[in-house]
Amino acid sequence: MGKRYLIDTNIIIYFLSQELPPNSLTFISKIIDYEFNLSVISKIEVLGYPNIKESTVKFIALANVFNIDDRIVDVTIQLRREYLKIKLPDAIIAATALVNNFELITRNTKDFKKIKSLKVIDPFDL
């Protein structure tokens, strides 16, 4: 696998709840098996649900979680200035993808499509 991916929160939720279409499930499963990358924001969002299952905690523990460092902060600031309506968590996720040269896998493409330098994949469209 030559490309590198960052998986957004909504895709993790679809994956864990087994709501992905077959093509999407195969695609996401291969990525998770190869290199499972998450923004710290996605970790917070997934594990922040009440009554979270222990299996979900263990699953998230398998991920490479990218914390917010100075480079991500700087790119987040640029994104917030350029795209005034982008929500802070989305800006941090996008910045994490950009700084680390990841393609972002998300169902929520409308929040990210204006960011020209960000490659976004909706696995439901495969």
C-alpha atoms as a PDB file:
ATOM      1  CA  MET A   1       0.000   0.000   0.000  1.00  0.00           C
ATOM      2  CA  GLY A   2       1.754   3.140  -1.225  1.00  0.00           C
ATOM      3  CA  LYS A   3      -0.792   5.730  -0.139  1.00  0.00           C
ATOM      4  CA  ARG A   4      -1.194   6.693   3.481  1.00  0.00           C
ATOM      5  CA  TYR A   5      -4.546   7.471   5.043  1.00  0.00           C
ATOM      6  CA  LEU A   6      -6.079   9.218   8.033  1.00  0.00           C
ATOM      7  CA  ILE A   7      -9.447   7.789   9.030  1.00  0.00           C
ATOM      8  CA  ASP A   8     -12.099  10.239  10.217  1.00  0.00           C
ATOM      9  CA  THR A   9     -14.320   9.610  13.220  1.00  0.00           C
ATOM     10  CA  ASN A  10     -17.460   8.824  11.233  1.00  0.00           C
ATOM     11  CA  ILE A  11     -15.734   6.033   9.313  1.00  0.00           C
ATOM     12  CA  ILE A  12     -14.560   4.406  12.546  1.00  0.00           C
ATOM     13  CA  ILE A  13     -18.137   4.523  13.841  1.00  0.00           C
ATOM     14  CA  TYR A  14     -19.505   3.000  10.614  1.00  0.00           C
ATOM     15  CA  PHE A  15     -16.769   0.354  10.709  1.00  0.00           C
ATOM     16  CA  LEU A  16     -17.404  -0.643  14.330  1.00  0.00           C
ATOM     17  CA  SER A  17     -21.169  -0.720  13.857  1.00  0.00           C
ATOM     18  CA  GLN A  18     -20.764  -2.785  10.661  1.00  0.00           C
ATOM     19  CA  GLU A  19     -22.605  -0.202   8.551  1.00  0.00           C
ATOM     20  CA  LEU A  20     -20.103   0.031   5.694  1.00  0.00           C
ATOM     21  CA  PRO A  21     -21.039  -1.307   2.253  1.00  0.00           C
ATOM     22  CA  PRO A  22     -19.013  -4.418   1.255  1.00  0.00           C
ATOM     23  CA  ASN A  23     -16.559  -2.535  -1.023  1.00  0.00           C
ATOM     24  CA  SER A  24     -15.988   0.082   1.659  1.00  0.00           C
ATOM     25  CA  LEU A  25     -15.511  -2.547   4.354  1.00  0.00           C
ATOM     26  CA  THR A  26     -12.836  -4.292   2.304  1.00  0.00           C
ATOM     27  CA  PHE A  27     -11.069  -0.987   1.587  1.00  0.00           C
ATOM     28  CA  ILE A  28     -11.125   0.193   5.214  1.00  0.00           C
ATOM     29  CA  SER A  29     -10.147  -3.233   6.584  1.00  0.00           C
ATOM     30  CA  LYS A  30      -7.024  -3.273   4.395  1.00  0.00           C
ATOM     31  CA  ILE A  31      -6.065   0.199   5.559  1.00  0.00           C
ATOM     32  CA  ILE A  32      -6.582  -0.674   9.221  1.00  0.00           C
ATOM     33  CA  ASP A  33      -4.541  -3.846   8.820  1.00  0.00           C
ATOM     34  CA  TYR A  34      -1.719  -1.974   7.072  1.00  0.00           C
ATOM     35  CA  GLU A  35      -1.481   1.373   8.880  1.00  0.00           C
ATOM     36  CA  PHE A  36      -4.281   2.545  11.164  1.00  0.00           C
ATOM     37  CA  ASN A  37      -3.936   6.341  11.551  1.00  0.00           C
ATOM     38  CA  LEU A  38      -6.205   8.627  13.563  1.00  0.00           C
ATOM     39  CA  SER A  39      -6.121  12.217  14.691  1.00  0.00           C
ATOM     40  CA  VAL A  40      -6.253  12.659  18.448  1.00  0.00           C
ATOM     41  CA  ILE A  41      -9.560  14.449  17.760  1.00  0.00           C
ATOM     42  CA  SER A  42     -11.070  11.231  16.376  1.00  0.00           C
ATOM     43  CA  LYS A  43      -9.816   9.298  19.384  1.00  0.00           C
ATOM     44  CA  ILE A  44     -11.495  11.820  21.692  1.00  0.00           C
ATOM     45  CA  GLU A  45     -14.714  11.780  19.660  1.00  0.00           C
ATOM     46  CA  VAL A  46     -14.987   7.970  19.492  1.00  0.00           C
ATOM     47  CA  LEU A  47     -14.015   7.284  23.101  1.00  0.00           C
ATOM     48  CA  GLY A  48     -16.057  10.233  24.376  1.00  0.00           C
ATOM     49  CA  TYR A  49     -19.352   8.426  23.829  1.00  0.00           C
ATOM     50  CA  PRO A  50     -21.072   7.247  27.026  1.00  0.00           C
ATOM     51  CA  ASN A  51     -21.065   3.519  27.760  1.00  0.00           C
ATOM     52  CA  ILE A  52     -18.268   2.823  25.296  1.00  0.00           C
ATOM     53  CA  LYS A  53     -17.501  -0.870  24.833  1.00  0.00           C
ATOM     54  CA  GLU A  54     -14.174  -2.262  26.005  1.00  0.00           C
ATOM     55  CA  SER A  55     -13.691  -3.707  22.505  1.00  0.00           C
ATOM     56  CA  THR A  56     -13.851  -0.164  21.085  1.00  0.00           C
ATOM     57  CA  VAL A  57     -11.232   1.037  23.574  1.00  0.00           C
ATOM     58  CA  LYS A  58      -8.962  -1.868  22.561  1.00  0.00           C
ATOM     59  CA  PHE A  59      -9.583  -1.196  18.873  1.00  0.00           C
ATOM     60  CA  ILE A  60      -8.642   2.489  19.174  1.00  0.00           C
ATOM     61  CA  ALA A  61      -5.532   1.488  21.119  1.00  0.00           C
ATOM     62  CA  LEU A  62      -4.308  -0.252  17.936  1.00  0.00           C
ATOM     63  CA  ALA A  63      -4.237   3.050  16.018  1.00  0.00           C
ATOM     64  CA  ASN A  64      -1.322   5.365  15.402  1.00  0.00           C
ATOM     65  CA  VAL A  65      -2.767   8.452  17.063  1.00  0.00           C
ATOM     66  CA  PHE A  66      -1.360  11.759  15.869  1.00  0.00           C
ATOM     67  CA  ASN A  67      -1.329  14.335  18.622  1.00  0.00           C
ATOM     68  CA  ILE A  68      -1.506  18.069  18.043  1.00  0.00           C
ATOM     69  CA  ASP A  69       2.004  19.420  17.607  1.00  0.00           C
ATOM     70  CA  ASP A  70       3.228  22.872  16.549  1.00  0.00           C
ATOM     71  CA  ARG A  71       3.080  22.044  12.828  1.00  0.00           C
ATOM     72  CA  ILE A  72      -0.531  20.870  13.121  1.00  0.00           C
ATOM     73  CA  VAL A  73      -1.388  23.960  15.172  1.00  0.00           C
ATOM     74  CA  ASP A  74       0.102  26.243  12.509  1.00  0.00           C
ATOM     75  CA  VAL A  75      -1.757  24.531   9.649  1.00  0.00           C
ATOM     76  CA  THR A  76      -4.977  24.506  11.691  1.00  0.00           C
ATOM     77  CA  ILE A  77      -4.660  28.261  12.164  1.00  0.00           C
ATOM     78  CA  GLN A  78      -4.114  28.743   8.420  1.00  0.00           C
ATOM     79  CA  LEU A  79      -7.162  26.608   7.620  1.00  0.00           C
ATOM     80  CA  ARG A  80      -9.359  28.483  10.101  1.00  0.00           C
ATOM     81  CA  ARG A  81      -8.276  31.810   8.612  1.00  0.00           C
ATOM     82  CA  GLU A  82      -8.810  30.696   5.023  1.00  0.00           C
ATOM     83  CA  TYR A  83     -11.991  28.656   5.522  1.00  0.00           C
ATOM     84  CA  LEU A  84     -13.940  30.666   8.085  1.00  0.00           C
ATOM     85  CA  LYS A  85     -16.769  28.172   8.457  1.00  0.00           C
ATOM     86  CA  ILE A  86     -14.626  25.097   9.159  1.00  0.00           C
ATOM     87  CA  LYS A  87     -15.183  23.749  12.655  1.00  0.00           C
ATOM     88  CA  LEU A  88     -12.143  23.514  14.894  1.00  0.00           C
ATOM     89  CA  PRO A  89     -12.168  19.681  15.171  1.00  0.00           C
ATOM     90  CA  ASP A  90     -12.442  19.365  11.375  1.00  0.00           C
ATOM     91  CA  ALA A  91      -9.621  21.874  10.901  1.00  0.00           C
ATOM     92  CA  ILE A  92      -7.391  19.884  13.253  1.00  0.00           C
ATOM     93  CA  ILE A  93      -8.209  16.627  11.437  1.00  0.00           C
ATOM     94  CA  ALA A  94      -7.524  18.245   8.051  1.00  0.00           C
ATOM     95  CA  ALA A  95      -4.276  19.757   9.334  1.00  0.00           C
ATOM     96  CA  THR A  96      -3.189  16.371  10.686  1.00  0.00           C
ATOM     97  CA  ALA A  97      -3.772  14.845   7.259  1.00  0.00           C
ATOM     98  CA  LEU A  98      -1.965  17.663   5.439  1.00  0.00           C
ATOM     99  CA  VAL A  99       1.080  17.761   7.732  1.00  0.00           C
ATOM    100  CA  ASN A 100       1.530  13.989   7.495  1.00  0.00           C
ATOM    101  CA  ASN A 101       0.733  13.644   3.763  1.00  0.00           C
ATOM    102  CA  PHE A 102      -2.328  11.504   4.408  1.00  0.00           C
ATOM    103  CA  GLU A 103      -5.440  11.168   2.303  1.00  0.00           C
ATOM    104  CA  LEU A 104      -8.478  11.706   4.527  1.00  0.00           C
ATOM    105  CA  ILE A 105     -11.142   9.009   4.545  1.00  0.00           C
ATOM    106  CA  THR A 106     -14.481  10.450   5.615  1.00  0.00           C
ATOM    107  CA  ARG A 107     -18.175  10.264   4.862  1.00  0.00           C
ATOM    108  CA  ASN A 108     -18.420  13.962   5.682  1.00  0.00           C
ATOM    109  CA  THR A 109     -16.800  15.294   2.509  1.00  0.00           C
ATOM    110  CA  LYS A 110     -18.720  18.583   2.503  1.00  0.00           C
ATOM    111  CA  ASP A 111     -16.743  19.842   5.492  1.00  0.00           C
ATOM    112  CA  PHE A 112     -13.419  19.198   3.765  1.00  0.00           C
ATOM    113  CA  LYS A 113     -13.990  19.595   0.001  1.00  0.00           C
ATOM    114  CA  LYS A 114     -13.046  23.298  -0.108  1.00  0.00           C
ATOM    115  CA  ILE A 115      -9.519  22.568   1.109  1.00  0.00           C
ATOM    116  CA  LYS A 116      -7.803  22.256  -2.267  1.00  0.00           C
ATOM    117  CA  SER A 117      -4.588  20.645  -1.025  1.00  0.00           C
ATOM    118  CA  LEU A 118      -6.443  17.925   0.914  1.00  0.00           C
ATOM    119  CA  LYS A 119      -7.228  14.643  -0.824  1.00  0.00           C
ATOM    120  CA  VAL A 120     -10.581  13.343   0.497  1.00  0.00           C
ATOM    121  CA  ILE A 121     -12.068   9.902  -0.089  1.00  0.00           C
ATOM    122  CA  ASP A 122     -15.646   8.904   0.697  1.00  0.00           C
ATOM    123  CA  PRO A 123     -15.534   5.099   0.958  1.00  0.00           C
ATOM    124  CA  PHE A 124     -19.278   4.967   0.314  1.00  0.00           C
ATOM    125  CA  ASP A 125     -18.529   6.152  -3.238  1.00  0.00           C
ATOM    126  CA  LEU A 126     -16.139   3.292  -4.088  1.00  0.00           C
END
